[in-house]
Amino acid sequence: MSKSTHFYGTSVFGQLIKLIDPKIIYGSTQKHQSDRYVKKFTTKDHMISMLFSSFAKCSSLREVSGAMLGLSGKTKHFQLNHIPKKSTLADANKRRSSDVFGSIYNGLLKQYGHLLSDSRIKDVINKQIEVFDSSTISLFKDILKCVGRKPKNGKSKGGIKLHTVINVDEQVPKMIWFTSAATHDHILLNKLKLNSNTIYVFDKGYNDYKAFKLFCENKTGFVTRIKDNAVYDTIEVKSIDDNIHCGVEQDEIIEVQVKEGNTYSKLKLRKVTFYDRVLKRRFEFLTNLFELRADLIAGIYKLRWQIELLFKQLKQNFPLKYFLGDNENAIKIQIYCALIANLLMTVIQKTLKRKWGFSNLVSFCKIHLFNYIHLLKFLENPDKDWQKTYDELMQPTLF
C-alpha cells in the first residue's frame, strides 16, 4: 500500500504558527520593548507557549510546561527557541506587558482583514455595521472586582469584563478593552470612533441620551432597544407601506430630553415597534436612521446576535475557565492568546472550500496538533487516503 498523500514536513501546530508573520511579532516586540532585559524566554517563545496552551486546552502551568518538555526535536518547525519551566512561564505572565499580545492580535487582524471580510451586508446598507457588547468572565480569586452580592462566607470571586467591538462582516473582534466586571457597560461609548460611514448596534444596557446626541452630531447611525421606562413625546406616527414586513406594527418620530449639567435639550429619534412571530415577542427599537425602511431597522438589530455567538465560541473552544496566573496581567495575556488562536482558526475556516464547523476544526487541531499532515489538504479531502486504501484492497488479486 502507498504512503499517506497528506504527509507534510511540518506539524499542524507549526503550520498554525506559520500563519503569523514574524514581522508582526518583531514590530510589536520593538514597540513595547517586551524583550528588554530578557536573556532566553522571548516574546515569541512566550506567545507560542501560550498558543500551545490555547490549542491543547491546558488548565495549569504545570500541564503546559510538562507537555512542552516532551516536544524535544519538534520545536524547530514552529521556531520555539526556549521551552519554559513552570516558574519561567509564571514570571513572564506576570511581568511581560499584555499590550504586546494585543498589538500582535491587531497586526494579524490587518494581515488577514481581506480574507475575513464579507462585504455583502455593507453593499446593501452602503455603510459599515459594527456591533459592540461585553461579556463577563468569572475568576476564582478576587483579582478584579465582580458584580453582585458577596457570599455568606465573605469570600468574593473576581471577574473581568471583556468589552468587544466587531464588524458584522468579519466575525472576529475589532477592538478589545478589559475592565473589572463591576464597571458599567456604557463607559465603552467613550472609546468609539464616530463617523458617518458606520452604524453601531448594541443592546439597551448602553442607553445614554448624551451619547445618542453625540452620535447624531457626528452623523453616526445607531440601532438599539428602548428602555421599558423611557420617557418621550411622540411627534409623528408614520404610515406603514404595504411593501414593509408585516411584523412592523408602528413607526414613530419621538423626542427625548437630554440632560447636560443643569441644562436640558431635546433630541429627535425614531422608534420602531416590531413583533417577531417566531419568538412571539414584541421589540421596540430606537435609532437615528430616519431614511431606512422600518423592517430594515429590525433586520440590522438582529445582526447583534453575531457578537453573542462570538462570546459563546470563545468560551466553548478555548481555556477561559481556568487561568494560568493569579494576576491581572496574566489573565489578559491568556485572553489575548485565545483571541489570536480564534483568529487563526477563523482564517483556516475561511480559506477552506469545504465547510467545517468551527468547533470541529478546533477539536481536530487539538487531536492532531503534532501530527505531520498537511492541514489544508487534509481538511479539504479527509477521506482521500481511506478511499485509496479501500480501492487497493478491493482490487482482484491473481494467484
Protein backbone atom coordinates (compact mmCIF):
# COMPACT_ATOMS: atom_id res chain seq x y z
CA MET A 1 0.00 0.00 0.00
CA SER A 2 1.16 3.56 -0.76
CA LYS A 3 2.09 6.14 1.83
CA SER A 4 -0.24 8.85 3.04
CA THR A 5 -0.74 11.62 0.49
CA HIS A 6 -1.36 14.07 3.34
CA PHE A 7 2.10 13.72 4.94
CA TYR A 8 3.86 17.05 5.47
CA GLY A 9 7.24 18.02 6.91
CA THR A 10 5.76 20.45 9.45
CA SER A 11 3.37 19.58 12.27
CA VAL A 12 -0.16 21.01 12.40
CA PHE A 13 0.90 23.33 15.23
CA GLY A 14 3.87 24.50 13.15
CA GLN A 15 1.56 25.28 10.22
CA LEU A 16 -0.70 27.34 12.51
CA ILE A 17 2.29 29.31 13.87
CA LYS A 18 3.47 29.99 10.31
CA LEU A 19 0.26 31.94 9.72
CA ILE A 20 1.74 34.63 12.00
CA ASP A 21 4.10 36.91 10.11
CA PRO A 22 7.40 37.18 12.10
CA LYS A 23 7.48 40.90 11.21
CA ILE A 24 4.32 41.41 13.28
CA ILE A 25 5.93 39.79 16.32
CA TYR A 26 9.17 41.72 15.85
CA GLY A 27 7.39 45.05 15.33
CA SER A 28 5.18 44.57 18.40
CA THR A 29 8.17 43.50 20.50
CA GLN A 30 10.13 46.61 19.50
CA LYS A 31 7.15 48.90 20.06
CA HIS A 32 6.52 47.69 23.61
CA GLN A 33 10.15 46.82 24.47
CA SER A 34 8.89 43.47 25.75
CA ASP A 35 12.26 41.71 25.34
CA ARG A 36 14.23 44.30 27.25
CA TYR A 37 16.49 42.67 29.87
CA VAL A 38 15.31 39.22 28.66
CA LYS A 39 18.03 36.62 28.03
CA LYS A 40 16.17 33.47 26.93
CA PHE A 41 12.36 33.42 27.10
CA THR A 42 11.49 35.97 24.41
CA THR A 43 8.09 37.39 23.45
CA LYS A 44 7.90 34.94 20.55
CA ASP A 45 8.62 31.94 22.80
CA HIS A 46 6.06 33.27 25.28
CA MET A 47 3.38 33.67 22.60
CA ILE A 48 4.00 30.19 21.14
CA SER A 49 3.81 28.64 24.63
CA MET A 50 0.51 30.38 25.37
CA LEU A 51 -0.91 29.45 21.95
CA PHE A 52 0.04 25.83 22.68
CA SER A 53 -1.94 26.19 25.92
CA SER A 54 -4.95 27.54 23.99
CA PHE A 55 -4.98 24.83 21.31
CA ALA A 56 -4.19 21.98 23.72
CA LYS A 57 -6.67 23.40 26.30
CA CYS A 58 -4.23 23.20 29.19
CA SER A 59 -5.61 24.13 32.60
CA SER A 60 -2.41 24.72 34.62
CA LEU A 61 1.16 25.98 34.25
CA ARG A 62 2.48 22.55 35.20
CA GLU A 63 0.46 20.98 32.40
CA VAL A 64 1.78 23.49 29.83
CA SER A 65 5.41 23.10 30.92
CA GLY A 66 5.25 19.31 31.24
CA ALA A 67 3.61 18.82 27.85
CA MET A 68 6.06 21.13 26.08
CA LEU A 69 9.09 19.35 27.59
CA GLY A 70 8.03 16.33 25.57
CA LEU A 71 8.42 18.27 22.33
CA SER A 72 12.19 17.94 22.16
CA GLY A 73 13.22 17.69 18.49
CA LYS A 74 9.91 19.07 17.20
CA THR A 75 10.29 22.72 18.17
CA LYS A 76 12.27 23.79 15.07
CA HIS A 77 9.12 23.51 12.96
CA PHE A 78 7.48 26.34 14.87
CA GLN A 79 10.71 28.17 15.81
CA LEU A 80 10.48 27.79 19.59
CA ASN A 81 13.92 28.56 20.98
CA HIS A 82 13.28 28.03 24.68
CA ILE A 83 10.86 25.59 26.34
CA PRO A 84 9.75 27.24 29.59
CA LYS A 85 9.69 25.75 33.03
CA LYS A 86 6.69 26.41 35.23
CA SER A 87 8.37 29.27 37.12
CA THR A 88 9.66 30.88 33.90
CA LEU A 89 6.20 30.97 32.35
CA ALA A 90 4.64 32.25 35.58
CA ASP A 91 7.17 35.10 35.80
CA ALA A 92 6.68 36.03 32.13
CA ASN A 93 2.88 36.11 32.53
CA LYS A 94 3.30 38.43 35.48
CA ARG A 95 5.99 40.78 34.17
CA ARG A 96 5.68 41.00 30.36
CA SER A 97 3.04 43.57 29.42
CA SER A 98 -0.13 42.13 27.91
CA ASP A 99 -0.16 45.08 25.48
CA VAL A 100 2.38 43.37 23.23
CA PHE A 101 -0.06 40.46 22.68
CA GLY A 102 -2.83 42.92 21.92
CA SER A 103 -0.54 44.55 19.36
CA ILE A 104 0.19 41.15 17.74
CA TYR A 105 -3.55 40.46 17.54
CA ASN A 106 -4.21 43.83 15.85
CA GLY A 107 -1.38 43.15 13.39
CA LEU A 108 -2.90 39.78 12.45
CA LEU A 109 -6.29 41.44 12.02
CA LYS A 110 -4.75 43.83 9.47
CA GLN A 111 -2.88 41.00 7.76
CA TYR A 112 -5.98 38.84 7.23
CA GLY A 113 -8.66 41.57 7.05
CA HIS A 114 -9.19 40.97 3.32
CA LEU A 115 -9.81 37.26 3.94
CA LEU A 116 -12.10 37.69 6.96
CA SER A 117 -14.26 40.43 5.47
CA ASP A 118 -17.55 39.64 3.75
CA SER A 119 -18.87 42.83 2.13
CA ARG A 120 -22.37 41.60 1.24
CA ILE A 121 -24.04 43.38 4.16
CA LYS A 122 -22.07 46.58 3.54
CA ASP A 123 -23.09 46.51 -0.13
CA VAL A 124 -26.78 46.51 0.85
CA ILE A 125 -26.62 49.23 3.54
CA ASN A 126 -23.71 51.13 1.95
CA LYS A 127 -22.28 51.60 5.47
CA GLN A 128 -20.16 49.55 7.84
CA ILE A 129 -22.20 47.91 10.61
CA GLU A 130 -20.37 47.37 13.90
CA VAL A 131 -21.73 45.60 16.97
CA PHE A 132 -20.43 46.08 20.49
CA ASP A 133 -21.17 44.32 23.76
CA SER A 134 -19.42 42.94 26.81
CA SER A 135 -19.05 39.51 28.38
CA THR A 136 -18.05 38.77 31.97
CA ILE A 137 -15.54 36.00 32.73
CA SER A 138 -15.68 34.81 36.34
CA LEU A 139 -12.43 34.34 38.25
CA PHE A 140 -11.82 32.05 41.21
CA LYS A 141 -9.88 34.72 43.10
CA ASP A 142 -10.81 38.30 43.94
CA ILE A 143 -8.29 39.72 41.45
CA LEU A 144 -10.73 42.11 39.79
CA LYS A 145 -13.93 43.39 41.35
CA CYS A 146 -17.01 41.40 40.38
CA VAL A 147 -20.69 42.30 40.39
CA GLY A 148 -23.38 41.01 42.71
CA ARG A 149 -23.62 40.46 46.43
CA LYS A 150 -20.88 38.87 48.45
CA PRO A 151 -21.50 35.27 49.61
CA LYS A 152 -22.16 34.48 53.29
CA ASN A 153 -18.59 33.34 53.90
CA GLY A 154 -17.35 36.79 52.82
CA LYS A 155 -15.01 35.35 50.15
CA SER A 156 -15.95 37.03 46.89
CA LYS A 157 -14.79 35.95 43.46
CA GLY A 158 -13.33 38.30 40.91
CA GLY A 159 -14.50 38.96 37.39
CA ILE A 160 -13.05 40.51 34.23
CA LYS A 161 -15.31 42.15 31.67
CA LEU A 162 -14.36 41.80 28.01
CA HIS A 163 -15.70 44.80 26.04
CA THR A 164 -15.69 43.96 22.34
CA VAL A 165 -16.44 45.64 19.02
CA ILE A 166 -16.84 43.56 15.85
CA ASN A 167 -17.59 44.28 12.21
CA VAL A 168 -20.59 42.13 11.30
CA ASP A 169 -18.80 41.05 8.12
CA GLU A 170 -15.64 39.83 9.89
CA GLN A 171 -16.79 37.69 12.89
CA VAL A 172 -13.67 38.43 14.94
CA PRO A 173 -13.13 41.25 17.48
CA LYS A 174 -12.02 44.56 16.02
CA MET A 175 -11.37 46.16 19.40
CA ILE A 176 -10.94 44.66 22.88
CA TRP A 177 -10.94 46.52 26.16
CA PHE A 178 -10.69 44.98 29.64
CA THR A 179 -12.24 46.26 32.88
CA SER A 180 -13.35 44.76 36.16
CA ALA A 181 -16.76 43.11 35.98
CA ALA A 182 -18.25 45.86 38.17
CA THR A 183 -17.58 48.55 35.51
CA HIS A 184 -20.74 49.78 33.77
CA ASP A 185 -21.07 48.91 30.10
CA HIS A 186 -21.85 52.41 28.82
CA ILE A 187 -18.24 53.55 29.50
CA LEU A 188 -17.37 51.83 26.21
CA LEU A 189 -19.31 54.57 24.37
CA ASN A 190 -16.43 56.97 25.09
CA LYS A 191 -13.99 54.65 23.26
CA LEU A 192 -15.83 54.58 19.93
CA LYS A 193 -14.64 56.42 16.83
CA LEU A 194 -17.70 58.17 15.42
CA ASN A 195 -18.02 58.71 11.66
CA SER A 196 -20.77 58.99 9.08
CA ASN A 197 -19.92 55.67 7.39
CA THR A 198 -20.64 53.49 10.44
CA ILE A 199 -23.81 52.17 12.08
CA TYR A 200 -23.40 50.87 15.64
CA VAL A 201 -25.71 48.19 17.03
CA PHE A 202 -25.97 47.49 20.78
CA ASP A 203 -28.45 46.41 23.44
CA LYS A 204 -30.40 48.63 25.80
CA GLY A 205 -27.78 48.31 28.55
CA TYR A 206 -25.90 51.08 26.73
CA ASN A 207 -28.81 53.58 26.67
CA ASP A 208 -27.32 57.04 27.17
CA TYR A 209 -29.08 60.05 25.65
CA LYS A 210 -25.95 62.23 25.89
CA ALA A 211 -24.09 59.64 23.80
CA PHE A 212 -27.02 59.43 21.36
CA LYS A 213 -26.84 63.21 20.88
CA LEU A 214 -23.13 62.89 20.13
CA PHE A 215 -23.92 60.14 17.61
CA CYS A 216 -26.37 62.47 15.84
CA GLU A 217 -23.96 65.43 15.83
CA ASN A 218 -21.28 63.23 14.19
CA LYS A 219 -23.84 61.75 11.74
CA THR A 220 -23.13 58.26 13.09
CA GLY A 221 -26.03 55.83 12.90
CA PHE A 222 -27.10 53.54 15.72
CA VAL A 223 -29.76 50.93 16.41
CA THR A 224 -30.65 49.79 19.91
CA ARG A 225 -33.69 48.88 22.03
CA ILE A 226 -35.56 51.47 24.04
CA LYS A 227 -35.75 51.05 27.80
CA ASP A 228 -39.07 49.94 29.28
CA ASN A 229 -39.29 53.03 31.50
CA ALA A 230 -38.19 55.54 28.83
CA VAL A 231 -39.91 58.94 28.88
CA TYR A 232 -40.55 60.54 25.48
CA ASP A 233 -43.04 62.56 23.45
CA THR A 234 -44.46 61.26 20.17
CA ILE A 235 -44.18 63.90 17.43
CA GLU A 236 -45.33 61.92 14.41
CA VAL A 237 -46.72 58.48 13.61
CA LYS A 238 -45.53 57.46 10.16
CA SER A 239 -47.64 55.41 7.79
CA ILE A 240 -46.51 51.86 7.05
CA ASP A 241 -46.40 50.97 3.35
CA ASP A 242 -47.76 47.68 2.05
CA ASN A 243 -44.31 46.51 0.99
CA ILE A 244 -43.00 46.72 4.58
CA HIS A 245 -42.68 43.46 6.56
CA CYS A 246 -45.94 42.63 8.34
CA GLY A 247 -44.09 42.39 11.66
CA VAL A 248 -43.70 46.19 11.77
CA GLU A 249 -46.55 47.44 13.96
CA GLN A 250 -45.63 51.10 14.42
CA ASP A 251 -43.13 53.65 13.15
CA GLU A 252 -42.86 56.86 15.20
CA ILE A 253 -40.76 60.01 15.42
CA ILE A 254 -40.20 60.84 19.10
CA GLU A 255 -38.42 63.44 21.25
CA VAL A 256 -36.41 62.71 24.38
CA GLN A 257 -34.84 65.08 26.90
CA VAL A 258 -31.06 65.14 27.19
CA LYS A 259 -29.61 66.39 30.48
CA GLU A 260 -26.20 68.08 30.25
CA GLY A 261 -25.21 69.54 33.58
CA ASN A 262 -28.06 71.83 34.68
CA THR A 263 -29.48 72.30 31.19
CA TYR A 264 -31.89 70.20 29.14
CA SER A 265 -32.16 69.87 25.39
CA LYS A 266 -34.45 67.90 23.10
CA LEU A 267 -33.29 65.13 20.77
CA LYS A 268 -35.37 63.77 17.91
CA LEU A 269 -35.18 59.98 17.38
CA ARG A 270 -37.13 57.21 15.69
CA LYS A 271 -38.94 54.33 17.45
CA VAL A 272 -39.93 51.21 15.51
CA THR A 273 -42.19 48.58 17.09
CA PHE A 274 -41.73 45.09 15.64
CA TYR A 275 -43.48 41.83 16.53
CA ASP A 276 -41.45 38.65 15.96
CA ARG A 277 -43.88 35.82 15.23
CA VAL A 278 -41.19 33.15 15.68
CA LEU A 279 -40.12 34.30 19.15
CA LYS A 280 -43.63 35.61 19.91
CA ARG A 281 -42.11 38.78 21.34
CA ARG A 282 -42.58 42.49 20.72
CA PHE A 283 -39.46 44.64 20.30
CA GLU A 284 -39.17 48.43 20.38
CA PHE A 285 -36.12 49.76 18.55
CA LEU A 286 -34.57 53.19 18.94
CA THR A 287 -32.50 54.71 16.13
CA ASN A 288 -31.43 57.91 14.39
CA LEU A 289 -31.71 56.33 10.93
CA PHE A 290 -34.75 58.16 9.59
CA GLU A 291 -34.35 57.24 5.90
CA LEU A 292 -34.14 53.43 6.14
CA ARG A 293 -37.16 51.16 5.92
CA ALA A 294 -38.70 50.23 9.25
CA ASP A 295 -38.25 46.47 8.69
CA LEU A 296 -34.59 47.04 7.81
CA ILE A 297 -34.09 48.63 11.24
CA ALA A 298 -35.31 45.38 12.81
CA GLY A 299 -33.05 43.39 10.48
CA ILE A 300 -29.99 45.45 11.45
CA TYR A 301 -30.61 44.90 15.16
CA LYS A 302 -30.89 41.15 14.54
CA LEU A 303 -27.22 41.23 13.45
CA ARG A 304 -26.32 41.93 17.09
CA TRP A 305 -26.68 38.22 17.74
CA GLN A 306 -23.34 37.65 15.99
CA ILE A 307 -21.39 39.05 18.94
CA GLU A 308 -23.24 36.68 21.30
CA LEU A 309 -22.17 33.80 19.06
CA LEU A 310 -18.58 35.08 19.21
CA PHE A 311 -18.55 35.09 23.01
CA LYS A 312 -20.03 31.59 23.04
CA GLN A 313 -17.43 30.39 20.51
CA LEU A 314 -14.53 31.75 22.58
CA LYS A 315 -15.72 30.30 25.87
CA GLN A 316 -16.56 26.88 24.44
CA ASN A 317 -13.42 26.28 22.38
CA PHE A 318 -10.59 27.89 24.34
CA PRO A 319 -9.48 27.61 28.00
CA LEU A 320 -11.15 30.62 29.63
CA LYS A 321 -12.49 28.81 32.68
CA TYR A 322 -9.13 28.10 34.31
CA PHE A 323 -6.47 30.80 34.24
CA LEU A 324 -2.74 30.15 34.44
CA GLY A 325 -1.99 33.16 36.65
CA ASP A 326 -3.42 34.89 39.68
CA ASN A 327 -2.76 38.44 38.50
CA GLU A 328 -4.50 40.80 36.07
CA ASN A 329 -1.68 40.83 33.50
CA ALA A 330 -1.57 37.02 33.22
CA ILE A 331 -5.34 36.88 32.70
CA LYS A 332 -5.20 39.48 29.93
CA ILE A 333 -2.35 37.60 28.19
CA GLN A 334 -4.34 34.36 28.24
CA ILE A 335 -7.43 36.08 26.80
CA TYR A 336 -5.38 37.78 24.06
CA CYS A 337 -3.77 34.45 23.11
CA ALA A 338 -7.22 32.81 22.99
CA LEU A 339 -8.30 35.63 20.64
CA ILE A 340 -5.22 35.03 18.46
CA ALA A 341 -5.99 31.30 18.34
CA ASN A 342 -9.62 32.10 17.48
CA LEU A 343 -8.48 34.38 14.65
CA LEU A 344 -6.09 31.75 13.23
CA MET A 345 -8.83 29.12 13.22
CA THR A 346 -11.21 31.60 11.54
CA VAL A 347 -8.57 32.16 8.83
CA ILE A 348 -8.35 28.38 8.28
CA GLN A 349 -12.15 28.12 8.15
CA LYS A 350 -12.39 30.98 5.61
CA THR A 351 -9.60 29.50 3.45
CA LEU A 352 -11.27 26.10 3.07
CA LYS A 353 -13.72 25.44 0.25
CA ARG A 354 -15.18 22.52 2.20
CA LYS A 355 -17.49 23.60 5.02
CA TRP A 356 -16.29 22.78 8.54
CA GLY A 357 -17.91 23.74 11.83
CA PHE A 358 -15.65 25.93 13.96
CA SER A 359 -15.74 23.61 16.99
CA ASN A 360 -14.93 20.61 14.79
CA LEU A 361 -11.89 22.44 13.39
CA VAL A 362 -10.60 23.30 16.88
CA SER A 363 -11.11 19.71 18.07
CA PHE A 364 -9.32 18.33 15.01
CA CYS A 365 -6.31 20.60 15.57
CA LYS A 366 -6.16 19.65 19.24
CA ILE A 367 -6.09 15.91 18.42
CA HIS A 368 -3.54 16.25 15.59
CA LEU A 369 -1.53 19.18 16.99
CA PHE A 370 1.83 17.42 16.47
CA ASN A 371 0.94 15.07 13.64
CA TYR A 372 2.72 15.71 10.35
CA ILE A 373 -0.17 16.11 7.96
CA HIS A 374 -0.87 18.94 5.54
CA LEU A 375 -3.67 20.73 7.37
CA LEU A 376 -5.46 22.43 4.48
CA LYS A 377 -5.19 19.49 2.06
CA PHE A 378 -6.44 17.05 4.66
CA LEU A 379 -9.38 19.24 5.68
CA GLU A 380 -10.39 19.69 2.02
CA ASN A 381 -10.48 15.92 1.43
CA PRO A 382 -10.15 13.94 4.70
CA ASP A 383 -11.41 10.67 3.14
CA LYS A 384 -8.83 10.61 0.35
CA ASP A 385 -6.33 8.18 1.93
CA TRP A 386 -9.01 5.89 3.33
CA GLN A 387 -10.75 5.69 -0.04
CA LYS A 388 -7.44 4.96 -1.78
CA THR A 389 -6.63 2.16 0.69
CA TYR A 390 -10.14 0.72 0.28
CA ASP A 391 -9.85 0.72 -3.51
CA GLU A 392 -6.47 -1.09 -3.33
CA LEU A 393 -7.90 -3.74 -1.00
CA MET A 394 -10.90 -4.32 -3.27
CA GLN A 395 -8.77 -4.88 -6.39
CA PRO A 396 -8.87 -8.51 -7.53
CA THR A 397 -5.67 -10.49 -6.94
CA LEU A 398 -4.23 -13.18 -9.21
CA PHE A 399 -2.95 -16.45 -7.72
